[in-house]
Amino acid sequence: MKNTPRQFIQTRAAAALRWIVACSVAALFGVLSWMVINRPAPLKVDEERSRVRRQYFEEMQSSNRIALTTYGWIDSRRGIVRLPLDKAMEMSVSLWRDPASARSNLLERLAKATVKLPPKPNIYE
């Protein structure tokens, strides 16, 4: 059975499309390989940089420790406070001992916490 000219053209077009896709994939792979090979080397960690990183880490740890163990205001206008973690867990456990009452109160507390505040007055008025 002999191919008609139309089938021959479709076959050649499909073959050309496959070659274009294969060449594009090979080119993409080559570009990505070149980018990986020629990437810049990471900075070396010397004593000075190590000391600075340690200092930042200790500052972050101390601020996290303060946030997890002390009381404070998050938003005083809305009445949202920061509690120590153990106290917050105790309050959550005691609140959710009765799930029905906790769920009924949940939407009310959410609405209170997310109410849109009025804009601050302009200092020039």
PDB file of N, CA and C in Angstrom:
ATOM      1  N   MET A   1       0.841  -1.167   0.000  1.00  0.00           N
ATOM      2  CA  MET A   1       0.000   0.000   0.000  1.00  0.00           C
ATOM      3  C   MET A   1       0.885   1.228   0.000  1.00  0.00           C
ATOM      4  N   LYS A   2       0.610   2.092  -0.926  1.00  0.00           N
ATOM      5  CA  LYS A   2       1.427   3.273  -1.133  1.00  0.00           C
ATOM      6  C   LYS A   2       0.800   4.469  -0.436  1.00  0.00           C
ATOM      7  N   ASN A   3       1.668   5.325   0.147  1.00  0.00           N
ATOM      8  CA  ASN A   3       1.188   6.537   0.810  1.00  0.00           C
ATOM      9  C   ASN A   3       0.761   7.564  -0.218  1.00  0.00           C
ATOM     10  N   THR A   4      -0.314   8.244   0.092  1.00  0.00           N
ATOM     11  CA  THR A   4      -0.744   9.340  -0.768  1.00  0.00           C
ATOM     12  C   THR A   4       0.117  10.553  -0.451  1.00  0.00           C
ATOM     13  N   PRO A   5       0.150  11.548  -1.353  1.00  0.00           N
ATOM     14  CA  PRO A   5       0.962  12.741  -1.084  1.00  0.00           C
ATOM     15  C   PRO A   5       0.556  13.440   0.217  1.00  0.00           C
ATOM     16  N   ARG A   6      -0.723  13.415   0.515  1.00  0.00           N
ATOM     17  CA  ARG A   6      -1.184  14.076   1.752  1.00  0.00           C
ATOM     18  C   ARG A   6      -0.628  13.348   2.984  1.00  0.00           C
ATOM     19  N   GLN A   7      -0.673  12.016   2.982  1.00  0.00           N
ATOM     20  CA  GLN A   7      -0.133  11.251   4.104  1.00  0.00           C
ATOM     21  C   GLN A   7       1.375  11.449   4.214  1.00  0.00           C
ATOM     22  N   PHE A   8       2.049  11.568   3.066  1.00  0.00           N
ATOM     23  CA  PHE A   8       3.493  11.778   3.066  1.00  0.00           C
ATOM     24  C   PHE A   8       3.837  13.122   3.707  1.00  0.00           C
ATOM     25  N   ILE A   9       3.068  14.163   3.385  1.00  0.00           N
ATOM     26  CA  ILE A   9       3.312  15.489   3.960  1.00  0.00           C
ATOM     27  C   ILE A   9       3.041  15.460   5.468  1.00  0.00           C
ATOM     28  N   GLN A  10       1.960  14.792   5.867  1.00  0.00           N
ATOM     29  CA  GLN A  10       1.654  14.711   7.303  1.00  0.00           C
ATOM     30  C   GLN A  10       2.739  13.935   8.044  1.00  0.00           C
ATOM     31  N   THR A  11       3.250  12.889   7.420  1.00  0.00           N
ATOM     32  CA  THR A  11       4.307  12.106   8.045  1.00  0.00           C
ATOM     33  C   THR A  11       5.573  12.930   8.180  1.00  0.00           C
ATOM     34  N   ARG A  12       5.907  13.688   7.147  1.00  0.00           N
ATOM     35  CA  ARG A  12       7.103  14.546   7.214  1.00  0.00           C
ATOM     36  C   ARG A  12       6.921  15.649   8.241  1.00  0.00           C
ATOM     37  N   ALA A  13       5.713  16.213   8.334  1.00  0.00           N
ATOM     38  CA  ALA A  13       5.458  17.269   9.312  1.00  0.00           C
ATOM     39  C   ALA A  13       5.577  16.716  10.727  1.00  0.00           C
ATOM     40  N   ALA A  14       5.053  15.518  10.948  1.00  0.00           N
ATOM     41  CA  ALA A  14       5.158  14.908  12.275  1.00  0.00           C
ATOM     42  C   ALA A  14       6.613  14.614  12.613  1.00  0.00           C
ATOM     43  N   ALA A  15       7.369  14.131  11.642  1.00  0.00           N
ATOM     44  CA  ALA A  15       8.786  13.849  11.875  1.00  0.00           C
ATOM     45  C   ALA A  15       9.545  15.141  12.164  1.00  0.00           C
ATOM     46  N   ALA A  16       9.239  16.198  11.426  1.00  0.00           N
ATOM     47  CA  ALA A  16       9.899  17.485  11.667  1.00  0.00           C
ATOM     48  C   ALA A  16       9.553  18.014  13.052  1.00  0.00           C
ATOM     49  N   LEU A  17       8.308  17.868  13.444  1.00  0.00           N
ATOM     50  CA  LEU A  17       7.895  18.318  14.773  1.00  0.00           C
ATOM     51  C   LEU A  17       8.621  17.526  15.855  1.00  0.00           C
ATOM     52  N   ARG A  18       8.770  16.225  15.665  1.00  0.00           N
ATOM     53  CA  ARG A  18       9.508  15.425  16.643  1.00  0.00           C
ATOM     54  C   ARG A  18      10.959  15.877  16.731  1.00  0.00           C
ATOM     55  N   TRP A  19      11.576  16.177  15.593  1.00  0.00           N
ATOM     56  CA  TRP A  19      12.962  16.657  15.601  1.00  0.00           C
ATOM     57  C   TRP A  19      13.069  18.008  16.303  1.00  0.00           C
ATOM     58  N   ILE A  20      12.115  18.879  16.065  1.00  0.00           N
ATOM     59  CA  ILE A  20      12.143  20.195  16.717  1.00  0.00           C
ATOM     60  C   ILE A  20      12.015  20.037  18.231  1.00  0.00           C
ATOM     61  N   VAL A  21      11.106  19.187  18.673  1.00  0.00           N
ATOM     62  CA  VAL A  21      10.928  18.960  20.111  1.00  0.00           C
ATOM     63  C   VAL A  21      12.184  18.338  20.706  1.00  0.00           C
ATOM     64  N   ALA A  22      12.755  17.345  20.028  1.00  0.00           N
ATOM     65  CA  ALA A  22      13.958  16.684  20.537  1.00  0.00           C
ATOM     66  C   ALA A  22      15.122  17.664  20.632  1.00  0.00           C
ATOM     67  N   CYS A  23      15.299  18.499  19.609  1.00  0.00           N
ATOM     68  CA  CYS A  23      16.382  19.492  19.632  1.00  0.00           C
ATOM     69  C   CYS A  23      16.143  20.538  20.720  1.00  0.00           C
ATOM     70  N   SER A  24      14.900  20.931  20.921  1.00  0.00           N
ATOM     71  CA  SER A  24      14.588  21.906  21.974  1.00  0.00           C
ATOM     72  C   SER A  24      14.886  21.334  23.352  1.00  0.00           C
ATOM     73  N   VAL A  25      14.521  20.082  23.571  1.00  0.00           N
ATOM     74  CA  VAL A  25      14.802  19.443  24.857  1.00  0.00           C
ATOM     75  C   VAL A  25      16.306  19.329  25.068  1.00  0.00           C
ATOM     76  N   ALA A  26      17.041  18.949  24.028  1.00  0.00           N
ATOM     77  CA  ALA A  26      18.494  18.841  24.144  1.00  0.00           C
ATOM     78  C   ALA A  26      19.117  20.204  24.431  1.00  0.00           C
ATOM     79  N   ALA A  27      18.633  21.253  23.764  1.00  0.00           N
ATOM     80  CA  ALA A  27      19.158  22.597  24.007  1.00  0.00           C
ATOM     81  C   ALA A  27      18.849  23.051  25.429  1.00  0.00           C
ATOM     82  N   LEU A  28      17.648  22.790  25.890  1.00  0.00           N
ATOM     83  CA  LEU A  28      17.281  23.154  27.260  1.00  0.00           C
ATOM     84  C   LEU A  28      18.157  22.410  28.262  1.00  0.00           C
ATOM     85  N   PHE A  29      18.372  21.135  28.043  1.00  0.00           N
ATOM     86  CA  PHE A  29      19.239  20.358  28.919  1.00  0.00           C
ATOM     87  C   PHE A  29      20.657  20.919  28.909  1.00  0.00           C
ATOM     88  N   GLY A  30      21.143  21.310  27.734  1.00  0.00           N
ATOM     89  CA  GLY A  30      22.482  21.891  27.639  1.00  0.00           C
ATOM     90  C   GLY A  30      22.591  23.212  28.388  1.00  0.00           C
ATOM     91  N   VAL A  31      21.591  24.066  28.245  1.00  0.00           N
ATOM     92  CA  VAL A  31      21.610  25.357  28.945  1.00  0.00           C
ATOM     93  C   VAL A  31      21.565  25.146  30.453  1.00  0.00           C
ATOM     94  N   LEU A  32      20.699  24.254  30.914  1.00  0.00           N
ATOM     95  CA  LEU A  32      20.617  23.989  32.351  1.00  0.00           C
ATOM     96  C   LEU A  32      21.913  23.384  32.880  1.00  0.00           C
ATOM     97  N   SER A  33      22.526  22.496  32.117  1.00  0.00           N
ATOM     98  CA  SER A  33      23.810  21.920  32.532  1.00  0.00           C
ATOM     99  C   SER A  33      24.873  23.000  32.623  1.00  0.00           C
ATOM    100  N   TRP A  34      24.908  23.892  31.659  1.00  0.00           N
ATOM    101  CA  TRP A  34      25.881  24.985  31.674  1.00  0.00           C
ATOM    102  C   TRP A  34      25.659  25.887  32.890  1.00  0.00           C
ATOM    103  N   MET A  35      24.389  26.156  33.216  1.00  0.00           N
ATOM    104  CA  MET A  35      24.096  27.003  34.375  1.00  0.00           C
ATOM    105  C   MET A  35      24.538  26.331  35.672  1.00  0.00           C
ATOM    106  N   VAL A  36      24.352  25.016  35.782  1.00  0.00           N
ATOM    107  CA  VAL A  36      24.757  24.312  36.997  1.00  0.00           C
ATOM    108  C   VAL A  36      26.276  24.282  37.116  1.00  0.00           C
ATOM    109  N   ILE A  37      26.955  24.052  36.023  1.00  0.00           N
ATOM    110  CA  ILE A  37      28.415  23.969  36.054  1.00  0.00           C
ATOM    111  C   ILE A  37      29.033  25.323  36.382  1.00  0.00           C
ATOM    112  N   ASN A  38      28.477  26.395  35.856  1.00  0.00           N
ATOM    113  CA  ASN A  38      29.068  27.724  36.015  1.00  0.00           C
ATOM    114  C   ASN A  38      28.428  28.560  37.116  1.00  0.00           C
ATOM    115  N   ARG A  39      27.727  27.938  38.048  1.00  0.00           N
ATOM    116  CA  ARG A  39      27.130  28.717  39.129  1.00  0.00           C
ATOM    117  C   ARG A  39      28.230  29.241  40.048  1.00  0.00           C
ATOM    118  N   PRO A  40      27.987  30.379  40.695  1.00  0.00           N
ATOM    119  CA  PRO A  40      29.023  30.921  41.581  1.00  0.00           C
ATOM    120  C   PRO A  40      29.187  30.057  42.832  1.00  0.00           C
ATOM    121  N   ALA A  41      30.390  30.027  43.322  1.00  0.00           N
ATOM    122  CA  ALA A  41      30.671  29.248  44.530  1.00  0.00           C
ATOM    123  C   ALA A  41      30.062  29.950  45.742  1.00  0.00           C
ATOM    124  N   PRO A  42      29.584  29.204  46.712  1.00  0.00           N
ATOM    125  CA  PRO A  42      29.033  29.840  47.909  1.00  0.00           C
ATOM    126  C   PRO A  42      30.129  30.557  48.691  1.00  0.00           C
ATOM    127  N   LEU A  43      29.706  31.557  49.447  1.00  0.00           N
ATOM    128  CA  LEU A  43      30.666  32.297  50.256  1.00  0.00           C
ATOM    129  C   LEU A  43      31.248  31.394  51.334  1.00  0.00           C
ATOM    130  N   LYS A  44      32.515  31.590  51.597  1.00  0.00           N
ATOM    131  CA  LYS A  44      33.158  30.800  52.636  1.00  0.00           C
ATOM    132  C   LYS A  44      32.781  31.370  53.995  1.00  0.00           C
ATOM    133  N   VAL A  45      32.602  30.490  54.950  1.00  0.00           N
ATOM    134  CA  VAL A  45      32.245  30.908  56.298  1.00  0.00           C
ATOM    135  C   VAL A  45      33.541  31.067  57.085  1.00  0.00           C
ATOM    136  N   ASP A  46      33.971  32.314  57.209  1.00  0.00           N
ATOM    137  CA  ASP A  46      35.170  32.577  57.990  1.00  0.00           C
ATOM    138  C   ASP A  46      34.769  32.912  59.427  1.00  0.00           C
ATOM    139  N   GLU A  47      35.737  33.232  60.249  1.00  0.00           N
ATOM    140  CA  GLU A  47      35.467  33.501  61.668  1.00  0.00           C
ATOM    141  C   GLU A  47      34.546  34.700  61.856  1.00  0.00           C
ATOM    142  N   GLU A  48      34.764  35.759  61.098  1.00  0.00           N
ATOM    143  CA  GLU A  48      33.948  36.974  61.250  1.00  0.00           C
ATOM    144  C   GLU A  48      32.494  36.697  60.875  1.00  0.00           C
ATOM    145  N   ARG A  49      32.302  36.061  59.735  1.00  0.00           N
ATOM    146  CA  ARG A  49      30.943  35.763  59.290  1.00  0.00           C
ATOM    147  C   ARG A  49      30.264  34.785  60.242  1.00  0.00           C
ATOM    148  N   SER A  50      31.005  33.827  60.737  1.00  0.00           N
ATOM    149  CA  SER A  50      30.459  32.872  61.688  1.00  0.00           C
ATOM    150  C   SER A  50      30.044  33.575  62.976  1.00  0.00           C
ATOM    151  N   ARG A  51      30.841  34.525  63.440  1.00  0.00           N
ATOM    152  CA  ARG A  51      30.521  35.264  64.657  1.00  0.00           C
ATOM    153  C   ARG A  51      29.258  36.097  64.473  1.00  0.00           C
ATOM    154  N   VAL A  52      29.136  36.760  63.312  1.00  0.00           N
ATOM    155  CA  VAL A  52      27.955  37.582  63.035  1.00  0.00           C
ATOM    156  C   VAL A  52      26.705  36.708  62.952  1.00  0.00           C
ATOM    157  N   ARG A  53      26.811  35.576  62.285  1.00  0.00           N
ATOM    158  CA  ARG A  53      25.668  34.676  62.178  1.00  0.00           C
ATOM    159  C   ARG A  53      25.266  34.134  63.541  1.00  0.00           C
ATOM    160  N   ARG A  54      26.233  33.809  64.388  1.00  0.00           N
ATOM    161  CA  ARG A  54      25.944  33.327  65.739  1.00  0.00           C
ATOM    162  C   ARG A  54      25.243  34.412  66.552  1.00  0.00           C
ATOM    163  N   GLN A  55      25.696  35.671  66.391  1.00  0.00           N
ATOM    164  CA  GLN A  55      25.088  36.784  67.122  1.00  0.00           C
ATOM    165  C   GLN A  55      23.629  36.971  66.687  1.00  0.00           C
ATOM    166  N   TYR A  56      23.363  36.958  65.383  1.00  0.00           N
ATOM    167  CA  TYR A  56      21.988  37.089  64.890  1.00  0.00           C
ATOM    168  C   TYR A  56      21.115  35.937  65.390  1.00  0.00           C
ATOM    169  N   PHE A  57      21.669  34.739  65.385  1.00  0.00           N
ATOM    170  CA  PHE A  57      20.923  33.577  65.861  1.00  0.00           C
ATOM    171  C   PHE A  57      20.562  33.723  67.337  1.00  0.00           C
ATOM    172  N   GLU A  58      21.516  34.167  68.148  1.00  0.00           N
ATOM    173  CA  GLU A  58      21.248  34.337  69.577  1.00  0.00           C
ATOM    174  C   GLU A  58      20.219  35.433  69.820  1.00  0.00           C
ATOM    175  N   GLU A  59      20.279  36.524  69.040  1.00  0.00           N
ATOM    176  CA  GLU A  59      19.274  37.584  69.170  1.00  0.00           C
ATOM    177  C   GLU A  59      17.881  37.057  68.813  1.00  0.00           C
ATOM    178  N   MET A  60      17.804  36.281  67.749  1.00  0.00           N
ATOM    179  CA  MET A  60      16.525  35.714  67.333  1.00  0.00           C
ATOM    180  C   MET A  60      15.994  34.748  68.395  1.00  0.00           C
ATOM    181  N   GLN A  61      16.870  33.919  68.943  1.00  0.00           N
ATOM    182  CA  GLN A  61      16.452  32.982  69.979  1.00  0.00           C
ATOM    183  C   GLN A  61      15.960  33.714  71.224  1.00  0.00           C
ATOM    184  N   SER A  62      16.650  34.792  71.615  1.00  0.00           N
ATOM    185  CA  SER A  62      16.219  35.519  72.814  1.00  0.00           C
ATOM    186  C   SER A  62      14.878  36.213  72.574  1.00  0.00           C
ATOM    187  N   SER A  63      14.674  36.782  71.380  1.00  0.00           N
ATOM    188  CA  SER A  63      13.384  37.420  71.103  1.00  0.00           C
ATOM    189  C   SER A  63      12.267  36.378  71.043  1.00  0.00           C
ATOM    190  N   ASN A  64      12.551  35.199  70.507  1.00  0.00           N
ATOM    191  CA  ASN A  64      11.549  34.124  70.499  1.00  0.00           C
ATOM    192  C   ASN A  64      11.243  33.660  71.914  1.00  0.00           C
ATOM    193  N   ARG A  65      12.273  33.544  72.741  1.00  0.00           N
ATOM    194  CA  ARG A  65      12.077  33.113  74.120  1.00  0.00           C
ATOM    195  C   ARG A  65      11.215  34.118  74.873  1.00  0.00           C
ATOM    196  N   ILE A  66      11.473  35.411  74.654  1.00  0.00           N
ATOM    197  CA  ILE A  66      10.675  36.453  75.302  1.00  0.00           C
ATOM    198  C   ILE A  66       9.225  36.368  74.834  1.00  0.00           C
ATOM    199  N   ALA A  67       9.023  36.186  73.530  1.00  0.00           N
ATOM    200  CA  ALA A  67       7.657  36.126  72.992  1.00  0.00           C
ATOM    201  C   ALA A  67       6.898  34.907  73.505  1.00  0.00           C
ATOM    202  N   LEU A  68       7.587  33.815  73.775  1.00  0.00           N
ATOM    203  CA  LEU A  68       6.910  32.591  74.210  1.00  0.00           C
ATOM    204  C   LEU A  68       6.697  32.513  75.715  1.00  0.00           C
ATOM    205  N   THR A  69       7.368  33.362  76.489  1.00  0.00           N
ATOM    206  CA  THR A  69       7.294  33.211  77.944  1.00  0.00           C
ATOM    207  C   THR A  69       6.787  34.440  78.676  1.00  0.00           C
ATOM    208  N   THR A  70       6.408  35.507  77.983  1.00  0.00           N
ATOM    209  CA  THR A  70       5.967  36.719  78.674  1.00  0.00           C
ATOM    210  C   THR A  70       4.606  37.166  78.158  1.00  0.00           C
ATOM    211  N   TYR A  71       3.986  38.034  78.932  1.00  0.00           N
ATOM    212  CA  TYR A  71       2.731  38.665  78.549  1.00  0.00           C
ATOM    213  C   TYR A  71       3.044  39.934  77.773  1.00  0.00           C
ATOM    214  N   GLY A  72       2.151  40.332  76.869  1.00  0.00           N
ATOM    215  CA  GLY A  72       2.323  41.585  76.146  1.00  0.00           C
ATOM    216  C   GLY A  72       1.137  41.849  75.238  1.00  0.00           C
ATOM    217  N   TRP A  73       1.036  43.096  74.804  1.00  0.00           N
ATOM    218  CA  TRP A  73      -0.045  43.481  73.902  1.00  0.00           C
ATOM    219  C   TRP A  73       0.369  43.218  72.465  1.00  0.00           C
ATOM    220  N   ILE A  74      -0.513  42.582  71.715  1.00  0.00           N
ATOM    221  CA  ILE A  74      -0.329  42.467  70.271  1.00  0.00           C
ATOM    222  C   ILE A  74      -1.057  43.624  69.607  1.00  0.00           C
ATOM    223  N   ASP A  75      -2.309  43.844  69.994  1.00  0.00           N
ATOM    224  CA  ASP A  75      -3.095  44.973  69.500  1.00  0.00           C
ATOM    225  C   ASP A  75      -3.990  45.442  70.643  1.00  0.00           C
ATOM    226  N   SER A  76      -3.600  46.551  71.270  1.00  0.00           N
ATOM    227  CA  SER A  76      -4.349  47.018  72.442  1.00  0.00           C
ATOM    228  C   SER A  76      -5.712  47.579  72.058  1.00  0.00           C
ATOM    229  N   ARG A  77      -5.858  48.091  70.844  1.00  0.00           N
ATOM    230  CA  ARG A  77      -7.153  48.633  70.423  1.00  0.00           C
ATOM    231  C   ARG A  77      -8.194  47.531  70.283  1.00  0.00           C
ATOM    232  N   ARG A  78      -7.771  46.361  69.884  1.00  0.00           N
ATOM    233  CA  ARG A  78      -8.693  45.233  69.726  1.00  0.00           C
ATOM    234  C   ARG A  78      -8.740  44.350  70.967  1.00  0.00           C
ATOM    235  N   GLY A  79      -7.817  44.555  71.883  1.00  0.00           N
ATOM    236  CA  GLY A  79      -7.787  43.731  73.085  1.00  0.00           C
ATOM    237  C   GLY A  79      -7.144  42.379  72.867  1.00  0.00           C
ATOM    238  N   ILE A  80      -6.167  42.294  71.954  1.00  0.00           N
ATOM    239  CA  ILE A  80      -5.481  41.037  71.668  1.00  0.00           C
ATOM    240  C   ILE A  80      -4.147  41.053  72.405  1.00  0.00           C
ATOM    241  N   VAL A  81      -3.930  40.048  73.244  1.00  0.00           N
ATOM    242  CA  VAL A  81      -2.712  39.988  74.047  1.00  0.00           C
ATOM    243  C   VAL A  81      -1.887  38.769  73.666  1.00  0.00           C
ATOM    244  N   ARG A  82      -0.613  38.833  74.038  1.00  0.00           N
ATOM    245  CA  ARG A  82       0.288  37.691  73.873  1.00  0.00           C
ATOM    246  C   ARG A  82       0.423  37.037  75.243  1.00  0.00           C
ATOM    247  N   LEU A  83       0.193  35.749  75.299  1.00  0.00           N
ATOM    248  CA  LEU A  83       0.267  34.994  76.548  1.00  0.00           C
ATOM    249  C   LEU A  83       1.468  34.064  76.507  1.00  0.00           C
ATOM    250  N   PRO A  84       1.992  33.706  77.676  1.00  0.00           N
ATOM    251  CA  PRO A  84       3.004  32.648  77.688  1.00  0.00           C
ATOM    252  C   PRO A  84       2.403  31.357  77.136  1.00  0.00           C
ATOM    253  N   LEU A  85       3.222  30.586  76.498  1.00  0.00           N
ATOM    254  CA  LEU A  85       2.738  29.402  75.797  1.00  0.00           C
ATOM    255  C   LEU A  85       2.039  28.418  76.730  1.00  0.00           C
ATOM    256  N   ASP A  86       2.604  28.163  77.888  1.00  0.00           N
ATOM    257  CA  ASP A  86       1.975  27.197  78.788  1.00  0.00           C
ATOM    258  C   ASP A  86       0.633  27.701  79.309  1.00  0.00           C
ATOM    259  N   LYS A  87       0.520  28.998  79.581  1.00  0.00           N
ATOM    260  CA  LYS A  87      -0.747  29.571  80.039  1.00  0.00           C
ATOM    261  C   LYS A  87      -1.798  29.501  78.920  1.00  0.00           C
ATOM    262  N   ALA A  88      -1.387  29.788  77.683  1.00  0.00           N
ATOM    263  CA  ALA A  88      -2.320  29.725  76.554  1.00  0.00           C
ATOM    264  C   ALA A  88      -2.825  28.301  76.348  1.00  0.00           C
ATOM    265  N   MET A  89      -1.955  27.314  76.500  1.00  0.00           N
ATOM    266  CA  MET A  89      -2.378  25.923  76.352  1.00  0.00           C
ATOM    267  C   MET A  89      -3.357  25.533  77.455  1.00  0.00           C
ATOM    268  N   GLU A  90      -3.090  25.971  78.684  1.00  0.00           N
ATOM    269  CA  GLU A  90      -4.017  25.677  79.783  1.00  0.00           C
ATOM    270  C   GLU A  90      -5.389  26.288  79.512  1.00  0.00           C
ATOM    271  N   MET A  91      -5.397  27.532  79.022  1.00  0.00           N
ATOM    272  CA  MET A  91      -6.668  28.191  78.727  1.00  0.00           C
ATOM    273  C   MET A  91      -7.415  27.472  77.608  1.00  0.00           C
ATOM    274  N   SER A  92      -6.688  27.028  76.583  1.00  0.00           N
ATOM    275  CA  SER A  92      -7.332  26.317  75.470  1.00  0.00           C
ATOM    276  C   SER A  92      -7.933  25.000  75.934  1.00  0.00           C
ATOM    277  N   VAL A  93      -7.195  24.277  76.757  1.00  0.00           N
ATOM    278  CA  VAL A  93      -7.703  22.994  77.252  1.00  0.00           C
ATOM    279  C   VAL A  93      -8.949  23.211  78.093  1.00  0.00           C
ATOM    280  N   SER A  94      -8.915  24.205  78.982  1.00  0.00           N
ATOM    281  CA  SER A  94     -10.088  24.436  79.830  1.00  0.00           C
ATOM    282  C   SER A  94     -11.276  24.940  79.012  1.00  0.00           C
ATOM    283  N   LEU A  95     -11.016  25.741  77.977  1.00  0.00           N
ATOM    284  CA  LEU A  95     -12.098  26.258  77.141  1.00  0.00           C
ATOM    285  C   LEU A  95     -12.758  25.150  76.328  1.00  0.00           C
ATOM    286  N   TRP A  96     -11.965  24.220  75.800  1.00  0.00           N
ATOM    287  CA  TRP A  96     -12.494  23.182  74.919  1.00  0.00           C
ATOM    288  C   TRP A  96     -12.904  21.914  75.658  1.00  0.00           C
ATOM    289  N   ARG A  97     -12.983  21.951  76.979  1.00  0.00           N
ATOM    290  CA  ARG A  97     -13.520  20.785  77.700  1.00  0.00           C
ATOM    291  C   ARG A  97     -14.976  20.563  77.331  1.00  0.00           C
ATOM    292  N   ASP A  98     -15.681  21.665  77.092  1.00  0.00           N
ATOM    293  CA  ASP A  98     -17.062  21.583  76.612  1.00  0.00           C
ATOM    294  C   ASP A  98     -17.063  22.097  75.168  1.00  0.00           C
ATOM    295  N   PRO A  99     -16.944  21.212  74.177  1.00  0.00           N
ATOM    296  CA  PRO A  99     -16.802  21.646  72.789  1.00  0.00           C
ATOM    297  C   PRO A  99     -17.969  22.474  72.271  1.00  0.00           C
ATOM    298  N   ALA A 100     -19.169  22.197  72.721  1.00  0.00           N
ATOM    299  CA  ALA A 100     -20.329  22.939  72.213  1.00  0.00           C
ATOM    300  C   ALA A 100     -20.245  24.407  72.599  1.00  0.00           C
ATOM    301  N   SER A 101     -19.922  24.691  73.846  1.00  0.00           N
ATOM    302  CA  SER A 101     -19.826  26.097  74.258  1.00  0.00           C
ATOM    303  C   SER A 101     -18.612  26.770  73.628  1.00  0.00           C
ATOM    304  N   ALA A 102     -17.530  26.030  73.433  1.00  0.00           N
ATOM    305  CA  ALA A 102     -16.343  26.612  72.805  1.00  0.00           C
ATOM    306  C   ALA A 102     -16.623  26.977  71.354  1.00  0.00           C
ATOM    307  N   ARG A 103     -17.350  26.113  70.634  1.00  0.00           N
ATOM    308  CA  ARG A 103     -17.682  26.421  69.240  1.00  0.00           C
ATOM    309  C   ARG A 103     -18.630  27.600  69.146  1.00  0.00           C
ATOM    310  N   SER A 104     -19.575  27.705  70.069  1.00  0.00           N
ATOM    311  CA  SER A 104     -20.521  28.821  70.008  1.00  0.00           C
ATOM    312  C   SER A 104     -19.814  30.143  70.271  1.00  0.00           C
ATOM    313  N   ASN A 105     -18.800  30.128  71.090  1.00  0.00           N
ATOM    314  CA  ASN A 105     -18.057  31.337  71.426  1.00  0.00           C
ATOM    315  C   ASN A 105     -16.989  31.653  70.382  1.00  0.00           C
ATOM    316  N   LEU A 106     -16.623  30.677  69.577  1.00  0.00           N
ATOM    317  CA  LEU A 106     -15.523  30.833  68.632  1.00  0.00           C
ATOM    318  C   LEU A 106     -15.797  31.912  67.599  1.00  0.00           C
ATOM    319  N   LEU A 107     -16.975  31.908  66.990  1.00  0.00           N
ATOM    320  CA  LEU A 107     -17.292  32.897  65.963  1.00  0.00           C
ATOM    321  C   LEU A 107     -17.358  34.303  66.546  1.00  0.00           C
ATOM    322  N   GLU A 108     -17.839  34.417  67.757  1.00  0.00           N
ATOM    323  CA  GLU A 108     -17.897  35.726  68.407  1.00  0.00           C
ATOM    324  C   GLU A 108     -16.486  36.266  68.650  1.00  0.00           C
ATOM    325  N   ARG A 109     -15.581  35.399  69.101  1.00  0.00           N
ATOM    326  CA  ARG A 109     -14.201  35.836  69.333  1.00  0.00           C
ATOM    327  C   ARG A 109     -13.503  36.171  68.021  1.00  0.00           C
ATOM    328  N   LEU A 110     -13.791  35.408  66.974  1.00  0.00           N
ATOM    329  CA  LEU A 110     -13.201  35.687  65.669  1.00  0.00           C
ATOM    330  C   LEU A 110     -13.678  37.027  65.135  1.00  0.00           C
ATOM    331  N   ALA A 111     -14.957  37.307  65.260  1.00  0.00           N
ATOM    332  CA  ALA A 111     -15.496  38.584  64.793  1.00  0.00           C
ATOM    333  C   ALA A 111     -14.879  39.743  65.565  1.00  0.00           C
ATOM    334  N   LYS A 112     -14.667  39.565  66.851  1.00  0.00           N
ATOM    335  CA  LYS A 112     -14.068  40.622  67.659  1.00  0.00           C
ATOM    336  C   LYS A 112     -12.611  40.856  67.264  1.00  0.00           C
ATOM    337  N   ALA A 113     -11.898  39.795  66.947  1.00  0.00           N
ATOM    338  CA  ALA A 113     -10.480  39.922  66.619  1.00  0.00           C
ATOM    339  C   ALA A 113     -10.256  40.484  65.228  1.00  0.00           C
ATOM    340  N   THR A 114     -11.217  40.314  64.313  1.00  0.00           N
ATOM    341  CA  THR A 114     -11.004  40.745  62.928  1.00  0.00           C
ATOM    342  C   THR A 114     -11.837  41.949  62.537  1.00  0.00           C
ATOM    343  N   VAL A 115     -12.435  42.641  63.505  1.00  0.00           N
ATOM    344  CA  VAL A 115     -13.241  43.812  63.182  1.00  0.00           C
ATOM    345  C   VAL A 115     -12.346  44.887  62.561  1.00  0.00           C
ATOM    346  N   LYS A 116     -12.876  45.562  61.552  1.00  0.00           N
ATOM    347  CA  LYS A 116     -12.109  46.608  60.885  1.00  0.00           C
ATOM    348  C   LYS A 116     -12.129  47.860  61.757  1.00  0.00           C
ATOM    349  N   LEU A 117     -10.952  48.353  62.061  1.00  0.00           N
ATOM    350  CA  LEU A 117     -10.835  49.521  62.923  1.00  0.00           C
ATOM    351  C   LEU A 117     -11.084  50.790  62.127  1.00  0.00           C
ATOM    352  N   PRO A 118     -11.592  51.829  62.769  1.00  0.00           N
ATOM    353  CA  PRO A 118     -11.764  53.092  62.059  1.00  0.00           C
ATOM    354  C   PRO A 118     -10.397  53.669  61.719  1.00  0.00           C
ATOM    355  N   PRO A 119     -10.335  54.452  60.636  1.00  0.00           N
ATOM    356  CA  PRO A 119      -9.032  55.013  60.266  1.00  0.00           C
ATOM    357  C   PRO A 119      -8.545  55.990  61.330  1.00  0.00           C
ATOM    358  N   LYS A 120      -7.237  56.090  61.428  1.00  0.00           N
ATOM    359  CA  LYS A 120      -6.660  57.029  62.386  1.00  0.00           C
ATOM    360  C   LYS A 120      -6.959  58.444  61.913  1.00  0.00           C
ATOM    361  N   PRO A 121      -7.247  59.349  62.841  1.00  0.00           N
ATOM    362  CA  PRO A 121      -7.544  60.717  62.422  1.00  0.00           C
ATOM    363  C   PRO A 121      -6.298  61.387  61.845  1.00  0.00           C
ATOM    364  N   ASN A 122      -6.551  62.279  60.920  1.00  0.00           N
ATOM    365  CA  ASN A 122      -5.467  63.015  60.298  1.00  0.00           C
ATOM    366  C   ASN A 122      -4.899  64.002  61.309  1.00  0.00           C
ATOM    367  N   ILE A 123      -3.595  64.108  61.392  1.00  0.00           N
ATOM    368  CA  ILE A 123      -2.989  65.006  62.380  1.00  0.00           C
ATOM    369  C   ILE A 123      -3.187  66.467  62.007  1.00  0.00           C
ATOM    370  N   TYR A 124      -3.563  66.757  60.757  1.00  0.00           N
ATOM    371  CA  TYR A 124      -3.734  68.139  60.313  1.00  0.00           C
ATOM    372  C   TYR A 124      -5.174  68.612  60.435  1.00  0.00           C
ATOM    373  N   GLU A 125      -6.070  67.769  60.881  1.00  0.00           N
ATOM    374  CA  GLU A 125      -7.470  68.180  61.006  1.00  0.00           C
ATOM    375  C   GLU A 125      -7.758  68.696  62.386  1.00  0.00           C
TER     376      GLU A 125
END
